[in-house]
Amino acid sequence: MRKIFLYLPILFAFMLVLSCGKTSTPEPTATENLTKSWSVSIAKQNGTQVYQKGGTSNIEAGYANYRLTLSAGGSATLATKDANSFSGTWALSGSDKVLTLSGLKNTAGANPTGTTGTIVYNITSTVTATAVTIESAQPDPKAGSTTVNLQLVNP
């Protein structure tokens, strides 16, 4: 019986060391993961692949110009496949499954073609620090009024 009492403090000390040694780092939120600059890895229009980063026979080579920069303060910059640049704001909604770019205007004050300055994308993949897939919620007039699916990567 005395030996049990002798080993109890050692057992408690060991358990204390094990429980204190683990520190959990919270996973980044979707907003934190999205806050960076993105380029297109693969682009599809109506389900047909039209661009692959580094590809030599891309149907729509202009996607090499596409850049989406989402800043921590909520500001956004969009460089389209035809190399036009627009600035505005961004927000997530729908349980972090809808990305809305709004107030988009170029330096001359014009909106992106076929929009009132707002473009909505559905997020169709898990948002990680290096990749996300988005799909246009409305047909894109610059892509022949097709639905555009973009696999984005952080360069």
C-alpha atoms as a PDB file:
ATOM      1  CA  MET A   1       0.000   0.000   0.000  1.00  0.00           C
ATOM      2  CA  ARG A   2       2.843   2.387   0.788  1.00  0.00           C
ATOM      3  CA  LYS A   3       4.338   1.803  -2.657  1.00  0.00           C
ATOM      4  CA  ILE A   4       1.107   2.977  -4.288  1.00  0.00           C
ATOM      5  CA  PHE A   5       1.261   6.231  -2.354  1.00  0.00           C
ATOM      6  CA  LEU A   6       4.893   6.587  -3.341  1.00  0.00           C
ATOM      7  CA  TYR A   7       4.149   6.273  -7.063  1.00  0.00           C
ATOM      8  CA  LEU A   8       1.011   8.437  -7.154  1.00  0.00           C
ATOM      9  CA  PRO A   9       2.894  11.790  -7.166  1.00  0.00           C
ATOM     10  CA  ILE A  10       5.128  10.536  -9.975  1.00  0.00           C
ATOM     11  CA  LEU A  11       2.093   9.442 -11.986  1.00  0.00           C
ATOM     12  CA  PHE A  12       0.366  12.801 -11.473  1.00  0.00           C
ATOM     13  CA  ALA A  13       3.509  14.700 -12.461  1.00  0.00           C
ATOM     14  CA  PHE A  14       3.812  12.598 -15.618  1.00  0.00           C
ATOM     15  CA  MET A  15       0.153  13.240 -16.525  1.00  0.00           C
ATOM     16  CA  LEU A  16       0.622  16.959 -15.913  1.00  0.00           C
ATOM     17  CA  VAL A  17       3.635  17.102 -18.226  1.00  0.00           C
ATOM     18  CA  LEU A  18       1.723  15.268 -20.969  1.00  0.00           C
ATOM     19  CA  SER A  19      -1.328  17.511 -20.727  1.00  0.00           C
ATOM     20  CA  CYS A  20       0.673  20.756 -20.660  1.00  0.00           C
ATOM     21  CA  GLY A  21       3.014  19.813 -23.478  1.00  0.00           C
ATOM     22  CA  LYS A  22       0.383  20.024 -26.201  1.00  0.00           C
ATOM     23  CA  THR A  23      -0.485  23.398 -27.628  1.00  0.00           C
ATOM     24  CA  SER A  24      -3.092  23.567 -30.300  1.00  0.00           C
ATOM     25  CA  THR A  25      -2.781  26.099 -33.067  1.00  0.00           C
ATOM     26  CA  PRO A  26      -6.164  27.077 -34.473  1.00  0.00           C
ATOM     27  CA  GLU A  27      -6.685  26.426 -38.162  1.00  0.00           C
ATOM     28  CA  PRO A  28      -6.737  29.595 -40.302  1.00  0.00           C
ATOM     29  CA  THR A  29     -10.199  30.758 -41.294  1.00  0.00           C
ATOM     30  CA  ALA A  30     -11.351  30.885 -44.915  1.00  0.00           C
ATOM     31  CA  THR A  31     -10.942  34.675 -44.799  1.00  0.00           C
ATOM     32  CA  GLU A  32      -7.347  34.358 -43.577  1.00  0.00           C
ATOM     33  CA  ASN A  33      -6.551  31.765 -46.253  1.00  0.00           C
ATOM     34  CA  LEU A  34      -8.081  33.899 -49.025  1.00  0.00           C
ATOM     35  CA  THR A  35      -6.237  37.065 -48.046  1.00  0.00           C
ATOM     36  CA  LYS A  36      -3.468  37.000 -50.673  1.00  0.00           C
ATOM     37  CA  SER A  37      -2.836  37.207 -54.408  1.00  0.00           C
ATOM     38  CA  TRP A  38      -4.198  34.427 -56.652  1.00  0.00           C
ATOM     39  CA  SER A  39      -3.524  33.354 -60.228  1.00  0.00           C
ATOM     40  CA  VAL A  40      -5.249  30.781 -62.429  1.00  0.00           C
ATOM     41  CA  SER A  41      -3.911  27.249 -62.507  1.00  0.00           C
ATOM     42  CA  ILE A  42      -6.767  25.754 -64.571  1.00  0.00           C
ATOM     43  CA  ALA A  43      -9.716  27.534 -66.211  1.00  0.00           C
ATOM     44  CA  LYS A  44     -12.846  25.843 -67.519  1.00  0.00           C
ATOM     45  CA  GLN A  45     -15.712  27.357 -69.466  1.00  0.00           C
ATOM     46  CA  ASN A  46     -18.963  25.362 -69.277  1.00  0.00           C
ATOM     47  CA  GLY A  47     -16.912  22.408 -68.044  1.00  0.00           C
ATOM     48  CA  THR A  48     -14.385  22.465 -70.906  1.00  0.00           C
ATOM     49  CA  GLN A  49     -10.791  23.158 -69.917  1.00  0.00           C
ATOM     50  CA  VAL A  50      -9.539  26.180 -71.845  1.00  0.00           C
ATOM     51  CA  TYR A  51      -6.388  27.056 -69.897  1.00  0.00           C
ATOM     52  CA  GLN A  52      -3.688  25.369 -67.842  1.00  0.00           C
ATOM     53  CA  LYS A  53      -0.862  27.332 -66.264  1.00  0.00           C
ATOM     54  CA  GLY A  54       2.316  26.666 -68.250  1.00  0.00           C
ATOM     55  CA  GLY A  55       0.386  24.936 -71.038  1.00  0.00           C
ATOM     56  CA  THR A  56       1.497  25.449 -74.639  1.00  0.00           C
ATOM     57  CA  SER A  57      -1.817  24.868 -76.418  1.00  0.00           C
ATOM     58  CA  ASN A  58      -4.271  26.871 -74.317  1.00  0.00           C
ATOM     59  CA  ILE A  59      -7.527  27.817 -76.017  1.00  0.00           C
ATOM     60  CA  GLU A  60      -7.811  30.928 -73.800  1.00  0.00           C
ATOM     61  CA  ALA A  61      -4.214  31.990 -73.123  1.00  0.00           C
ATOM     62  CA  GLY A  62      -5.446  35.269 -71.574  1.00  0.00           C
ATOM     63  CA  TYR A  63      -6.074  33.542 -68.253  1.00  0.00           C
ATOM     64  CA  ALA A  64      -2.330  33.928 -67.687  1.00  0.00           C
ATOM     65  CA  ASN A  65      -3.147  37.635 -67.054  1.00  0.00           C
ATOM     66  CA  TYR A  66      -5.824  36.898 -64.442  1.00  0.00           C
ATOM     67  CA  ARG A  67      -4.905  37.994 -60.905  1.00  0.00           C
ATOM     68  CA  LEU A  68      -7.183  38.296 -57.915  1.00  0.00           C
ATOM     69  CA  THR A  69      -5.688  40.088 -54.925  1.00  0.00           C
ATOM     70  CA  LEU A  70      -7.718  40.064 -51.719  1.00  0.00           C
ATOM     71  CA  SER A  71      -6.361  42.273 -48.945  1.00  0.00           C
ATOM     72  CA  ALA A  72      -6.944  42.006 -45.200  1.00  0.00           C
ATOM     73  CA  GLY A  73      -8.766  45.338 -45.080  1.00  0.00           C
ATOM     74  CA  GLY A  74     -11.421  44.103 -47.499  1.00  0.00           C
ATOM     75  CA  SER A  75     -10.010  45.730 -50.620  1.00  0.00           C
ATOM     76  CA  ALA A  76      -9.772  43.729 -53.834  1.00  0.00           C
ATOM     77  CA  THR A  77      -7.952  44.083 -57.129  1.00  0.00           C
ATOM     78  CA  LEU A  78      -8.980  42.054 -60.157  1.00  0.00           C
ATOM     79  CA  ALA A  79      -6.860  41.814 -63.299  1.00  0.00           C
ATOM     80  CA  THR A  80      -8.999  40.136 -65.954  1.00  0.00           C
ATOM     81  CA  LYS A  81      -7.878  37.803 -68.712  1.00  0.00           C
ATOM     82  CA  ASP A  82      -7.798  40.730 -71.142  1.00  0.00           C
ATOM     83  CA  ALA A  83      -5.376  42.528 -68.764  1.00  0.00           C
ATOM     84  CA  ASN A  84      -7.859  45.157 -67.544  1.00  0.00           C
ATOM     85  CA  SER A  85      -7.513  46.021 -63.867  1.00  0.00           C
ATOM     86  CA  PHE A  86     -10.348  46.851 -61.462  1.00  0.00           C
ATOM     87  CA  SER A  87     -10.372  47.806 -57.785  1.00  0.00           C
ATOM     88  CA  GLY A  88     -13.157  47.353 -55.258  1.00  0.00           C
ATOM     89  CA  THR A  89     -13.991  45.384 -52.137  1.00  0.00           C
ATOM     90  CA  TRP A  90     -14.534  41.733 -51.275  1.00  0.00           C
ATOM     91  CA  ALA A  91     -16.596  39.776 -48.767  1.00  0.00           C
ATOM     92  CA  LEU A  92     -17.431  36.184 -47.905  1.00  0.00           C
ATOM     93  CA  SER A  93     -20.953  34.989 -47.159  1.00  0.00           C
ATOM     94  CA  GLY A  94     -23.029  31.829 -47.244  1.00  0.00           C
ATOM     95  CA  SER A  95     -20.924  29.962 -44.655  1.00  0.00           C
ATOM     96  CA  ASP A  96     -17.768  31.072 -46.496  1.00  0.00           C
ATOM     97  CA  LYS A  97     -18.980  29.539 -49.785  1.00  0.00           C
ATOM     98  CA  VAL A  98     -19.762  32.776 -51.678  1.00  0.00           C
ATOM     99  CA  LEU A  99     -17.109  35.337 -52.626  1.00  0.00           C
ATOM    100  CA  THR A 100     -18.494  38.711 -53.700  1.00  0.00           C
ATOM    101  CA  LEU A 101     -16.391  41.378 -55.379  1.00  0.00           C
ATOM    102  CA  SER A 102     -18.206  44.694 -55.373  1.00  0.00           C
ATOM    103  CA  GLY A 103     -17.629  48.309 -56.305  1.00  0.00           C
ATOM    104  CA  LEU A 104     -15.257  47.189 -59.067  1.00  0.00           C
ATOM    105  CA  LYS A 105     -14.058  50.064 -61.234  1.00  0.00           C
ATOM    106  CA  ASN A 106     -11.007  50.722 -63.379  1.00  0.00           C
ATOM    107  CA  THR A 107      -9.044  53.988 -63.253  1.00  0.00           C
ATOM    108  CA  ALA A 108     -11.491  55.541 -65.743  1.00  0.00           C
ATOM    109  CA  GLY A 109     -14.422  54.639 -63.469  1.00  0.00           C
ATOM    110  CA  ALA A 110     -15.807  51.872 -65.711  1.00  0.00           C
ATOM    111  CA  ASN A 111     -17.163  48.571 -64.393  1.00  0.00           C
ATOM    112  CA  PRO A 112     -16.069  45.167 -65.715  1.00  0.00           C
ATOM    113  CA  THR A 113     -17.927  44.301 -68.947  1.00  0.00           C
ATOM    114  CA  GLY A 114     -21.477  43.104 -68.388  1.00  0.00           C
ATOM    115  CA  THR A 115     -21.566  43.962 -64.681  1.00  0.00           C
ATOM    116  CA  THR A 116     -22.672  46.792 -62.452  1.00  0.00           C
ATOM    117  CA  GLY A 117     -19.372  46.490 -60.603  1.00  0.00           C
ATOM    118  CA  THR A 118     -20.288  43.302 -58.742  1.00  0.00           C
ATOM    119  CA  ILE A 119     -19.055  39.793 -59.526  1.00  0.00           C
ATOM    120  CA  VAL A 120     -20.164  36.818 -57.448  1.00  0.00           C
ATOM    121  CA  TYR A 121     -18.266  33.528 -57.288  1.00  0.00           C
ATOM    122  CA  ASN A 122     -19.307  30.296 -55.590  1.00  0.00           C
ATOM    123  CA  ILE A 123     -16.427  28.641 -53.759  1.00  0.00           C
ATOM    124  CA  THR A 124     -16.541  25.006 -54.836  1.00  0.00           C
ATOM    125  CA  SER A 125     -13.558  23.617 -52.908  1.00  0.00           C
ATOM    126  CA  THR A 126     -12.014  23.836 -49.494  1.00  0.00           C
ATOM    127  CA  VAL A 127     -10.139  27.096 -49.110  1.00  0.00           C
ATOM    128  CA  THR A 128      -6.500  26.412 -48.261  1.00  0.00           C
ATOM    129  CA  ALA A 129      -3.510  28.712 -47.998  1.00  0.00           C
ATOM    130  CA  THR A 130      -2.360  27.709 -51.490  1.00  0.00           C
ATOM    131  CA  ALA A 131      -5.452  26.775 -53.527  1.00  0.00           C
ATOM    132  CA  VAL A 132      -9.145  27.433 -53.994  1.00  0.00           C
ATOM    133  CA  THR A 133     -11.646  26.767 -56.779  1.00  0.00           C
ATOM    134  CA  ILE A 134     -14.281  29.363 -57.622  1.00  0.00           C
ATOM    135  CA  GLU A 135     -17.088  29.359 -60.171  1.00  0.00           C
ATOM    136  CA  SER A 136     -18.936  32.340 -61.590  1.00  0.00           C
ATOM    137  CA  ALA A 137     -22.468  32.593 -60.204  1.00  0.00           C
ATOM    138  CA  GLN A 138     -23.609  34.293 -63.429  1.00  0.00           C
ATOM    139  CA  PRO A 139     -22.552  33.608 -67.018  1.00  0.00           C
ATOM    140  CA  ASP A 140     -19.433  35.600 -67.871  1.00  0.00           C
ATOM    141  CA  PRO A 141     -19.930  37.853 -70.936  1.00  0.00           C
ATOM    142  CA  LYS A 142     -16.145  37.952 -71.501  1.00  0.00           C
ATOM    143  CA  ALA A 143     -16.186  34.152 -71.793  1.00  0.00           C
ATOM    144  CA  GLY A 144     -18.983  33.854 -74.346  1.00  0.00           C
ATOM    145  CA  SER A 145     -21.641  34.026 -71.609  1.00  0.00           C
ATOM    146  CA  THR A 146     -20.484  30.705 -70.142  1.00  0.00           C
ATOM    147  CA  THR A 147     -20.024  29.610 -66.560  1.00  0.00           C
ATOM    148  CA  VAL A 148     -16.354  29.965 -65.659  1.00  0.00           C
ATOM    149  CA  ASN A 149     -14.632  27.654 -63.178  1.00  0.00           C
ATOM    150  CA  LEU A 150     -11.202  28.806 -61.978  1.00  0.00           C
ATOM    151  CA  GLN A 151      -8.746  26.756 -59.965  1.00  0.00           C
ATOM    152  CA  LEU A 152      -6.697  29.452 -58.275  1.00  0.00           C
ATOM    153  CA  VAL A 153      -3.274  29.084 -56.729  1.00  0.00           C
ATOM    154  CA  ASN A 154      -1.190  31.375 -54.628  1.00  0.00           C
ATOM    155  CA  PRO A 155       1.862  32.067 -56.789  1.00  0.00           C
END
